[in-house]
Amino acid sequence: MPYVVCTSRLEYVGPTTSVYAQGSTVAEVIDNLSLAYPSLKSYLLDDQNNVRKHVAIFVDNTLEPRDGVLHKSVEEQTEIYFMQALSGG
């Protein structure tokens, strides 16, 4: 099962420790995690099921583009990181 890490900023919507989650794509992993953490999906995705602008998703240490990450295939040893993207000036 893919290994999932949420940053501490997501502690109110996701797991506070690293967890394993089932799924063959990032979208399936999010769906399965949402069963235990109902607020996680709405924090990560907007009402059109697109990754929100304030969210960064890394798959195996690579920042993935928002428009394609949900369809990215994952394997048993894949590491997925959900992070709050920061911006400012």
N, C-alpha and C. Protein backbone atom coordinates (compact mmCIF):
# COMPACT_ATOMS: atom_id res chain seq x y z
N MET A 1 0.84 -1.18 0.00
CA MET A 1 0.00 0.00 0.00
C MET A 1 0.88 1.25 0.00
N PRO A 2 0.46 2.27 -0.72
CA PRO A 2 1.22 3.52 -0.71
C PRO A 2 1.30 4.10 0.71
N TYR A 3 2.39 4.75 0.97
CA TYR A 3 2.70 5.37 2.25
C TYR A 3 2.34 6.85 2.13
N VAL A 4 1.54 7.37 3.06
CA VAL A 4 1.05 8.75 2.98
C VAL A 4 1.51 9.54 4.19
N VAL A 5 1.98 10.76 3.92
CA VAL A 5 2.41 11.67 4.98
C VAL A 5 1.67 12.99 4.78
N CYS A 6 1.07 13.50 5.84
CA CYS A 6 0.47 14.84 5.82
C CYS A 6 1.31 15.73 6.72
N THR A 7 1.56 16.95 6.28
CA THR A 7 2.32 17.87 7.12
C THR A 7 1.49 18.25 8.35
N SER A 8 2.15 18.77 9.34
CA SER A 8 1.47 19.10 10.60
C SER A 8 0.38 20.15 10.40
N ARG A 9 0.46 20.96 9.36
CA ARG A 9 -0.57 21.96 9.07
C ARG A 9 -1.92 21.31 8.73
N LEU A 10 -1.89 20.05 8.33
CA LEU A 10 -3.11 19.35 7.96
C LEU A 10 -3.64 18.47 9.09
N GLU A 11 -3.15 18.70 10.30
CA GLU A 11 -3.51 17.84 11.42
C GLU A 11 -5.01 17.84 11.74
N TYR A 12 -5.72 18.88 11.34
CA TYR A 12 -7.15 18.93 11.64
C TYR A 12 -8.01 18.24 10.60
N VAL A 13 -7.40 17.85 9.48
CA VAL A 13 -8.18 17.22 8.41
C VAL A 13 -7.64 15.85 8.01
N GLY A 14 -6.43 15.53 8.41
CA GLY A 14 -5.81 14.27 7.99
C GLY A 14 -5.10 13.58 9.12
N PRO A 15 -4.41 12.49 8.78
CA PRO A 15 -3.70 11.74 9.82
C PRO A 15 -2.55 12.56 10.39
N THR A 16 -2.29 12.39 11.68
CA THR A 16 -1.20 13.11 12.34
C THR A 16 0.09 12.31 12.32
N THR A 17 0.02 11.08 11.88
CA THR A 17 1.20 10.25 11.70
C THR A 17 1.16 9.68 10.29
N SER A 18 2.27 9.18 9.84
CA SER A 18 2.33 8.56 8.51
C SER A 18 1.48 7.29 8.51
N VAL A 19 0.77 7.08 7.42
CA VAL A 19 -0.14 5.93 7.32
C VAL A 19 0.00 5.27 5.96
N TYR A 20 -0.47 4.06 5.87
CA TYR A 20 -0.58 3.37 4.60
C TYR A 20 -2.02 3.46 4.15
N ALA A 21 -2.22 3.64 2.85
CA ALA A 21 -3.58 3.74 2.31
C ALA A 21 -3.66 2.97 1.00
N GLN A 22 -4.79 2.37 0.76
CA GLN A 22 -4.97 1.61 -0.47
C GLN A 22 -5.32 2.53 -1.62
N GLY A 23 -4.96 2.07 -2.82
CA GLY A 23 -5.28 2.79 -4.03
C GLY A 23 -4.23 2.57 -5.09
N SER A 24 -4.65 2.63 -6.34
CA SER A 24 -3.69 2.46 -7.44
C SER A 24 -3.38 3.80 -8.12
N THR A 25 -4.09 4.86 -7.72
CA THR A 25 -3.81 6.22 -8.18
C THR A 25 -3.88 7.14 -6.97
N VAL A 26 -3.36 8.34 -7.12
CA VAL A 26 -3.42 9.31 -6.02
C VAL A 26 -4.89 9.60 -5.68
N ALA A 27 -5.75 9.69 -6.66
CA ALA A 27 -7.18 9.95 -6.41
C ALA A 27 -7.79 8.84 -5.56
N GLU A 28 -7.47 7.59 -5.87
CA GLU A 28 -8.01 6.47 -5.09
C GLU A 28 -7.48 6.49 -3.65
N VAL A 29 -6.22 6.86 -3.48
CA VAL A 29 -5.65 6.97 -2.15
C VAL A 29 -6.41 8.04 -1.35
N ILE A 30 -6.66 9.19 -1.97
CA ILE A 30 -7.41 10.26 -1.30
C ILE A 30 -8.82 9.77 -0.94
N ASP A 31 -9.48 9.10 -1.87
CA ASP A 31 -10.83 8.59 -1.59
C ASP A 31 -10.81 7.63 -0.40
N ASN A 32 -9.83 6.73 -0.37
CA ASN A 32 -9.77 5.75 0.72
C ASN A 32 -9.40 6.40 2.05
N LEU A 33 -8.50 7.38 2.04
CA LEU A 33 -8.17 8.09 3.27
C LEU A 33 -9.36 8.88 3.79
N SER A 34 -10.19 9.35 2.88
CA SER A 34 -11.35 10.16 3.27
C SER A 34 -12.38 9.37 4.05
N LEU A 35 -12.32 8.06 3.96
CA LEU A 35 -13.23 7.24 4.76
C LEU A 35 -12.92 7.42 6.25
N ALA A 36 -11.65 7.53 6.58
CA ALA A 36 -11.24 7.72 7.98
C ALA A 36 -11.12 9.20 8.34
N TYR A 37 -10.85 10.04 7.33
CA TYR A 37 -10.65 11.48 7.55
C TYR A 37 -11.55 12.25 6.58
N PRO A 38 -12.84 12.39 6.92
CA PRO A 38 -13.82 12.96 5.99
C PRO A 38 -13.50 14.37 5.49
N SER A 39 -12.79 15.18 6.24
CA SER A 39 -12.49 16.55 5.82
C SER A 39 -11.29 16.64 4.89
N LEU A 40 -10.52 15.57 4.78
CA LEU A 40 -9.30 15.61 3.99
C LEU A 40 -9.56 15.90 2.52
N LYS A 41 -10.50 15.20 1.93
CA LYS A 41 -10.76 15.36 0.50
C LYS A 41 -11.18 16.79 0.16
N SER A 42 -12.06 17.36 0.94
CA SER A 42 -12.50 18.73 0.64
C SER A 42 -11.40 19.76 0.91
N TYR A 43 -10.43 19.42 1.73
CA TYR A 43 -9.29 20.32 1.93
C TYR A 43 -8.35 20.25 0.74
N LEU A 44 -8.13 19.04 0.20
CA LEU A 44 -7.20 18.86 -0.91
C LEU A 44 -7.81 19.22 -2.25
N LEU A 45 -9.10 18.93 -2.43
CA LEU A 45 -9.75 19.10 -3.73
C LEU A 45 -10.89 20.10 -3.66
N ASP A 46 -11.10 20.82 -4.77
CA ASP A 46 -12.23 21.75 -4.83
C ASP A 46 -13.50 21.01 -5.26
N ASP A 47 -14.58 21.73 -5.47
CA ASP A 47 -15.85 21.10 -5.82
C ASP A 47 -15.88 20.50 -7.22
N GLN A 48 -14.86 20.75 -8.02
CA GLN A 48 -14.73 20.15 -9.35
C GLN A 48 -13.74 18.97 -9.32
N ASN A 49 -13.33 18.56 -8.12
CA ASN A 49 -12.35 17.50 -7.91
C ASN A 49 -11.00 17.81 -8.52
N ASN A 50 -10.61 19.08 -8.48
CA ASN A 50 -9.27 19.51 -8.88
C ASN A 50 -8.48 19.83 -7.62
N VAL A 51 -7.18 19.62 -7.68
CA VAL A 51 -6.32 19.93 -6.54
C VAL A 51 -6.36 21.44 -6.31
N ARG A 52 -6.60 21.83 -5.07
CA ARG A 52 -6.68 23.25 -4.72
C ARG A 52 -5.31 23.92 -4.89
N LYS A 53 -5.34 25.21 -5.12
CA LYS A 53 -4.11 25.97 -5.36
C LYS A 53 -3.20 26.03 -4.14
N HIS A 54 -3.76 25.90 -2.96
CA HIS A 54 -2.94 25.98 -1.75
C HIS A 54 -2.41 24.62 -1.30
N VAL A 55 -2.53 23.61 -2.16
CA VAL A 55 -2.09 22.25 -1.83
C VAL A 55 -0.97 21.83 -2.77
N ALA A 56 0.06 21.22 -2.20
CA ALA A 56 1.14 20.63 -2.99
C ALA A 56 1.16 19.13 -2.70
N ILE A 57 1.27 18.33 -3.75
CA ILE A 57 1.32 16.89 -3.60
C ILE A 57 2.62 16.38 -4.22
N PHE A 58 3.40 15.72 -3.39
CA PHE A 58 4.65 15.11 -3.84
C PHE A 58 4.45 13.61 -3.94
N VAL A 59 4.92 13.00 -5.01
CA VAL A 59 4.89 11.55 -5.17
C VAL A 59 6.34 11.11 -5.35
N ASP A 60 6.81 10.29 -4.44
CA ASP A 60 8.20 9.84 -4.45
C ASP A 60 9.17 11.01 -4.60
N ASN A 61 8.99 12.00 -3.75
CA ASN A 61 9.88 13.17 -3.64
C ASN A 61 9.85 14.10 -4.85
N THR A 62 8.85 13.98 -5.70
CA THR A 62 8.71 14.86 -6.85
C THR A 62 7.41 15.65 -6.73
N LEU A 63 7.52 16.98 -6.79
CA LEU A 63 6.32 17.81 -6.80
C LEU A 63 5.59 17.57 -8.11
N GLU A 64 4.36 17.11 -8.02
CA GLU A 64 3.58 16.78 -9.21
C GLU A 64 2.70 17.96 -9.61
N PRO A 65 2.52 18.18 -10.92
CA PRO A 65 1.61 19.24 -11.37
C PRO A 65 0.18 18.94 -10.91
N ARG A 66 -0.51 19.97 -10.49
CA ARG A 66 -1.88 19.80 -9.98
C ARG A 66 -2.83 19.18 -11.00
N ASP A 67 -2.63 19.50 -12.27
CA ASP A 67 -3.59 19.03 -13.28
C ASP A 67 -3.45 17.56 -13.63
N GLY A 68 -2.42 16.86 -13.18
CA GLY A 68 -2.27 15.46 -13.53
C GLY A 68 -2.03 14.52 -12.37
N VAL A 69 -1.81 15.07 -11.19
CA VAL A 69 -1.40 14.24 -10.07
C VAL A 69 -2.46 13.23 -9.65
N LEU A 70 -3.71 13.55 -9.77
CA LEU A 70 -4.75 12.63 -9.30
C LEU A 70 -4.78 11.34 -10.11
N HIS A 71 -4.35 11.39 -11.35
CA HIS A 71 -4.34 10.21 -12.21
C HIS A 71 -3.02 9.46 -12.15
N LYS A 72 -2.07 9.97 -11.38
CA LYS A 72 -0.75 9.36 -11.27
C LYS A 72 -0.88 7.99 -10.62
N SER A 73 -0.30 6.99 -11.27
CA SER A 73 -0.30 5.63 -10.72
C SER A 73 0.64 5.55 -9.53
N VAL A 74 0.23 4.80 -8.54
CA VAL A 74 1.06 4.56 -7.37
C VAL A 74 1.16 3.06 -7.14
N GLU A 75 2.27 2.68 -6.52
CA GLU A 75 2.51 1.27 -6.22
C GLU A 75 2.65 1.10 -4.72
N GLU A 76 2.91 -0.12 -4.32
CA GLU A 76 2.97 -0.44 -2.90
C GLU A 76 4.04 0.36 -2.16
N GLN A 77 5.15 0.66 -2.78
CA GLN A 77 6.24 1.36 -2.13
C GLN A 77 6.23 2.87 -2.36
N THR A 78 5.20 3.39 -3.03
CA THR A 78 5.12 4.81 -3.34
C THR A 78 4.93 5.63 -2.06
N GLU A 79 5.61 6.77 -1.99
CA GLU A 79 5.42 7.71 -0.89
C GLU A 79 4.68 8.94 -1.43
N ILE A 80 3.60 9.30 -0.77
CA ILE A 80 2.80 10.47 -1.16
C ILE A 80 2.80 11.45 0.00
N TYR A 81 3.11 12.70 -0.30
CA TYR A 81 3.12 13.75 0.71
C TYR A 81 2.08 14.80 0.34
N PHE A 82 1.19 15.10 1.26
CA PHE A 82 0.22 16.18 1.09
C PHE A 82 0.69 17.35 1.94
N MET A 83 0.86 18.50 1.29
CA MET A 83 1.38 19.67 1.99
C MET A 83 0.56 20.90 1.65
N GLN A 84 0.59 21.83 2.56
CA GLN A 84 -0.01 23.14 2.31
C GLN A 84 1.02 23.94 1.53
N ALA A 85 0.66 24.37 0.33
CA ALA A 85 1.55 25.19 -0.48
C ALA A 85 1.54 26.61 0.08
N LEU A 86 2.70 27.19 0.22
CA LEU A 86 2.82 28.54 0.76
C LEU A 86 3.16 29.52 -0.35
N SER A 87 2.62 30.70 -0.24
CA SER A 87 2.94 31.74 -1.21
C SER A 87 2.99 33.07 -0.46
N GLY A 88 3.44 34.04 -1.12
CA GLY A 88 3.49 35.35 -0.49
C GLY A 88 4.62 36.17 -1.08
N GLY A 89 4.82 37.32 -0.56
CA GLY A 89 5.84 38.15 -1.15
C GLY A 89 6.45 39.10 -0.22
